[in-house]
Amino acid sequence: MIAYKCAKCGKNVDIDTERMGIRCPYCGGKIFYKERGTIAKKLKAR
């Protein structure tokens, strides 16, 4: 299972990637964002 955040209600949701037709159990939303860490990446300019 992978933790995602619902775009509609903002709650954290554990999603089983094996299933089709994923919906938020709290609000029924279908759009999710993957949680990212708080570490910032440094890039060198060319």
PDB file of N, CA and C in Angstrom:
ATOM      1  N   MET A   1       0.836  -1.189   0.000  1.00  0.00           N
ATOM      2  CA  MET A   1       0.000   0.000   0.000  1.00  0.00           C
ATOM      3  C   MET A   1       0.878   1.249   0.000  1.00  0.00           C
ATOM      4  N   ILE A   2       0.383   2.290  -0.648  1.00  0.00           N
ATOM      5  CA  ILE A   2       1.108   3.545  -0.765  1.00  0.00           C
ATOM      6  C   ILE A   2       0.236   4.664  -0.204  1.00  0.00           C
ATOM      7  N   ALA A   3       0.844   5.587   0.542  1.00  0.00           N
ATOM      8  CA  ALA A   3       0.093   6.703   1.137  1.00  0.00           C
ATOM      9  C   ALA A   3      -0.015   7.853   0.145  1.00  0.00           C
ATOM     10  N   TYR A   4      -1.241   8.324  -0.057  1.00  0.00           N
ATOM     11  CA  TYR A   4      -1.518   9.457  -0.933  1.00  0.00           C
ATOM     12  C   TYR A   4      -2.384  10.445  -0.179  1.00  0.00           C
ATOM     13  N   LYS A   5      -2.488  11.671  -0.721  1.00  0.00           N
ATOM     14  CA  LYS A   5      -3.350  12.697  -0.144  1.00  0.00           C
ATOM     15  C   LYS A   5      -4.461  12.996  -1.141  1.00  0.00           C
ATOM     16  N   CYS A   6      -5.699  13.018  -0.671  1.00  0.00           N
ATOM     17  CA  CYS A   6      -6.847  13.308  -1.522  1.00  0.00           C
ATOM     18  C   CYS A   6      -6.836  14.792  -1.882  1.00  0.00           C
ATOM     19  N   ALA A   7      -7.045  15.104  -3.158  1.00  0.00           N
ATOM     20  CA  ALA A   7      -7.048  16.491  -3.613  1.00  0.00           C
ATOM     21  C   ALA A   7      -8.317  17.221  -3.194  1.00  0.00           C
ATOM     22  N   LYS A   8      -9.398  16.499  -2.974  1.00  0.00           N
ATOM     23  CA  LYS A   8     -10.680  17.123  -2.644  1.00  0.00           C
ATOM     24  C   LYS A   8     -10.813  17.463  -1.156  1.00  0.00           C
ATOM     25  N   CYS A   9     -10.527  16.488  -0.278  1.00  0.00           N
ATOM     26  CA  CYS A   9     -10.711  16.728   1.160  1.00  0.00           C
ATOM     27  C   CYS A   9      -9.397  16.905   1.914  1.00  0.00           C
ATOM     28  N   GLY A  10      -8.256  16.529   1.308  1.00  0.00           N
ATOM     29  CA  GLY A  10      -6.956  16.733   1.927  1.00  0.00           C
ATOM     30  C   GLY A  10      -6.556  15.682   2.949  1.00  0.00           C
ATOM     31  N   LYS A  11      -7.325  14.605   3.076  1.00  0.00           N
ATOM     32  CA  LYS A  11      -6.995  13.566   4.050  1.00  0.00           C
ATOM     33  C   LYS A  11      -6.018  12.559   3.454  1.00  0.00           C
ATOM     34  N   ASN A  12      -5.186  11.975   4.322  1.00  0.00           N
ATOM     35  CA  ASN A  12      -4.261  10.941   3.889  1.00  0.00           C
ATOM     36  C   ASN A  12      -5.011   9.636   3.701  1.00  0.00           C
ATOM     37  N   VAL A  13      -4.731   8.963   2.569  1.00  0.00           N
ATOM     38  CA  VAL A  13      -5.430   7.735   2.210  1.00  0.00           C
ATOM     39  C   VAL A  13      -4.392   6.695   1.801  1.00  0.00           C
ATOM     40  N   ASP A  14      -4.521   5.478   2.325  1.00  0.00           N
ATOM     41  CA  ASP A  14      -3.680   4.368   1.889  1.00  0.00           C
ATOM     42  C   ASP A  14      -4.371   3.702   0.713  1.00  0.00           C
ATOM     43  N   ILE A  15      -3.659   3.605  -0.426  1.00  0.00           N
ATOM     44  CA  ILE A  15      -4.257   3.089  -1.653  1.00  0.00           C
ATOM     45  C   ILE A  15      -3.611   1.779  -2.031  1.00  0.00           C
ATOM     46  N   ASP A  16      -4.443   0.792  -2.334  1.00  0.00           N
ATOM     47  CA  ASP A  16      -3.968  -0.489  -2.838  1.00  0.00           C
ATOM     48  C   ASP A  16      -3.844  -0.356  -4.354  1.00  0.00           C
ATOM     49  N   THR A  17      -2.630  -0.420  -4.879  1.00  0.00           N
ATOM     50  CA  THR A  17      -2.400  -0.186  -6.306  1.00  0.00           C
ATOM     51  C   THR A  17      -2.859  -1.348  -7.183  1.00  0.00           C
ATOM     52  N   GLU A  18      -3.259  -2.448  -6.600  1.00  0.00           N
ATOM     53  CA  GLU A  18      -3.727  -3.605  -7.366  1.00  0.00           C
ATOM     54  C   GLU A  18      -5.185  -3.430  -7.833  1.00  0.00           C
ATOM     55  N   ARG A  19      -5.917  -2.534  -7.202  1.00  0.00           N
ATOM     56  CA  ARG A  19      -7.347  -2.348  -7.526  1.00  0.00           C
ATOM     57  C   ARG A  19      -7.539  -1.261  -8.570  1.00  0.00           C
ATOM     58  N   MET A  20      -8.607  -1.382  -9.306  1.00  0.00           N
ATOM     59  CA  MET A  20      -8.999  -0.358 -10.280  1.00  0.00           C
ATOM     60  C   MET A  20     -10.175   0.425  -9.681  1.00  0.00           C
ATOM     61  N   GLY A  21     -10.400   1.624 -10.171  1.00  0.00           N
ATOM     62  CA  GLY A  21     -11.527   2.429  -9.696  1.00  0.00           C
ATOM     63  C   GLY A  21     -11.310   2.944  -8.285  1.00  0.00           C
ATOM     64  N   ILE A  22     -10.193   3.593  -8.050  1.00  0.00           N
ATOM     65  CA  ILE A  22      -9.845   4.060  -6.709  1.00  0.00           C
ATOM     66  C   ILE A  22     -10.612   5.339  -6.385  1.00  0.00           C
ATOM     67  N   ARG A  23     -11.192   5.389  -5.185  1.00  0.00           N
ATOM     68  CA  ARG A  23     -11.909   6.559  -4.687  1.00  0.00           C
ATOM     69  C   ARG A  23     -11.534   6.796  -3.236  1.00  0.00           C
ATOM     70  N   CYS A  24     -11.632   8.051  -2.816  1.00  0.00           N
ATOM     71  CA  CYS A  24     -11.376   8.402  -1.426  1.00  0.00           C
ATOM     72  C   CYS A  24     -12.524   7.853  -0.563  1.00  0.00           C
ATOM     73  N   PRO A  25     -12.203   7.141   0.525  1.00  0.00           N
ATOM     74  CA  PRO A  25     -13.273   6.598   1.372  1.00  0.00           C
ATOM     75  C   PRO A  25     -13.998   7.668   2.185  1.00  0.00           C
ATOM     76  N   TYR A  26     -13.435   8.884   2.288  1.00  0.00           N
ATOM     77  CA  TYR A  26     -14.044   9.946   3.079  1.00  0.00           C
ATOM     78  C   TYR A  26     -14.991  10.821   2.266  1.00  0.00           C
ATOM     79  N   CYS A  27     -14.555  11.203   1.038  1.00  0.00           N
ATOM     80  CA  CYS A  27     -15.372  12.154   0.261  1.00  0.00           C
ATOM     81  C   CYS A  27     -15.742  11.639  -1.135  1.00  0.00           C
ATOM     82  N   GLY A  28     -15.135  10.539  -1.583  1.00  0.00           N
ATOM     83  CA  GLY A  28     -15.450  10.005  -2.904  1.00  0.00           C
ATOM     84  C   GLY A  28     -14.625  10.610  -4.026  1.00  0.00           C
ATOM     85  N   GLY A  29     -13.629  11.435  -3.694  1.00  0.00           N
ATOM     86  CA  GLY A  29     -12.782  12.059  -4.713  1.00  0.00           C
ATOM     87  C   GLY A  29     -11.934  11.038  -5.460  1.00  0.00           C
ATOM     88  N   LYS A  30     -11.528  11.378  -6.682  1.00  0.00           N
ATOM     89  CA  LYS A  30     -10.763  10.464  -7.523  1.00  0.00           C
ATOM     90  C   LYS A  30      -9.344  10.960  -7.827  1.00  0.00           C
ATOM     91  N   ILE A  31      -8.978  12.150  -7.356  1.00  0.00           N
ATOM     92  CA  ILE A  31      -7.663  12.709  -7.649  1.00  0.00           C
ATOM     93  C   ILE A  31      -6.811  12.648  -6.381  1.00  0.00           C
ATOM     94  N   PHE A  32      -5.609  12.078  -6.522  1.00  0.00           N
ATOM     95  CA  PHE A  32      -4.713  11.906  -5.382  1.00  0.00           C
ATOM     96  C   PHE A  32      -3.327  12.434  -5.713  1.00  0.00           C
ATOM     97  N   TYR A  33      -2.631  12.908  -4.679  1.00  0.00           N
ATOM     98  CA  TYR A  33      -1.256  13.381  -4.808  1.00  0.00           C
ATOM     99  C   TYR A  33      -0.368  12.503  -3.947  1.00  0.00           C
ATOM    100  N   LYS A  34       0.798  12.163  -4.449  1.00  0.00           N
ATOM    101  CA  LYS A  34       1.743  11.366  -3.689  1.00  0.00           C
ATOM    102  C   LYS A  34       2.470  12.270  -2.702  1.00  0.00           C
ATOM    103  N   GLU A  35       2.561  11.826  -1.460  1.00  0.00           N
ATOM    104  CA  GLU A  35       3.249  12.591  -0.430  1.00  0.00           C
ATOM    105  C   GLU A  35       4.744  12.598  -0.732  1.00  0.00           C
ATOM    106  N   ARG A  36       5.356  13.765  -0.616  1.00  0.00           N
ATOM    107  CA  ARG A  36       6.789  13.906  -0.839  1.00  0.00           C
ATOM    108  C   ARG A  36       7.476  14.273   0.465  1.00  0.00           C
ATOM    109  N   GLY A  37       8.750  13.956   0.531  1.00  0.00           N
ATOM    110  CA  GLY A  37       9.535  14.284   1.707  1.00  0.00           C
ATOM    111  C   GLY A  37       9.810  15.782   1.792  1.00  0.00           C
ATOM    112  N   THR A  38      10.381  16.203   2.894  1.00  0.00           N
ATOM    113  CA  THR A  38      10.646  17.630   3.099  1.00  0.00           C
ATOM    114  C   THR A  38      12.068  18.013   2.686  1.00  0.00           C
ATOM    115  N   ILE A  39      12.827  17.075   2.150  1.00  0.00           N
ATOM    116  CA  ILE A  39      14.207  17.345   1.758  1.00  0.00           C
ATOM    117  C   ILE A  39      14.221  18.032   0.396  1.00  0.00           C
ATOM    118  N   ALA A  40      14.885  19.196   0.334  1.00  0.00           N
ATOM    119  CA  ALA A  40      14.988  19.940  -0.924  1.00  0.00           C
ATOM    120  C   ALA A  40      16.194  19.433  -1.713  1.00  0.00           C
ATOM    121  N   LYS A  41      16.046  19.348  -3.015  1.00  0.00           N
ATOM    122  CA  LYS A  41      17.142  18.923  -3.880  1.00  0.00           C
ATOM    123  C   LYS A  41      17.908  20.146  -4.369  1.00  0.00           C
ATOM    124  N   LYS A  42      19.227  20.009  -4.489  1.00  0.00           N
ATOM    125  CA  LYS A  42      20.060  21.079  -5.025  1.00  0.00           C
ATOM    126  C   LYS A  42      20.513  20.685  -6.411  1.00  0.00           C
ATOM    127  N   LEU A  43      20.346  21.595  -7.375  1.00  0.00           N
ATOM    128  CA  LEU A  43      20.753  21.359  -8.744  1.00  0.00           C
ATOM    129  C   LEU A  43      21.782  22.393  -9.151  1.00  0.00           C
ATOM    130  N   LYS A  44      22.748  21.968  -9.963  1.00  0.00           N
ATOM    131  CA  LYS A  44      23.747  22.897 -10.482  1.00  0.00           C
ATOM    132  C   LYS A  44      23.294  23.442 -11.822  1.00  0.00           C
ATOM    133  N   ALA A  45      23.442  24.732 -11.991  1.00  0.00           N
ATOM    134  CA  ALA A  45      23.105  25.367 -13.271  1.00  0.00           C
ATOM    135  C   ALA A  45      24.237  25.105 -14.265  1.00  0.00           C
ATOM    136  N   ARG A  46      23.888  24.938 -15.508  1.00  0.00           N
ATOM    137  CA  ARG A  46      24.922  24.707 -16.532  1.00  0.00           C
ATOM    138  C   ARG A  46      25.250  25.972 -17.251  1.00  0.00           C
TER     139      ARG A  46
END
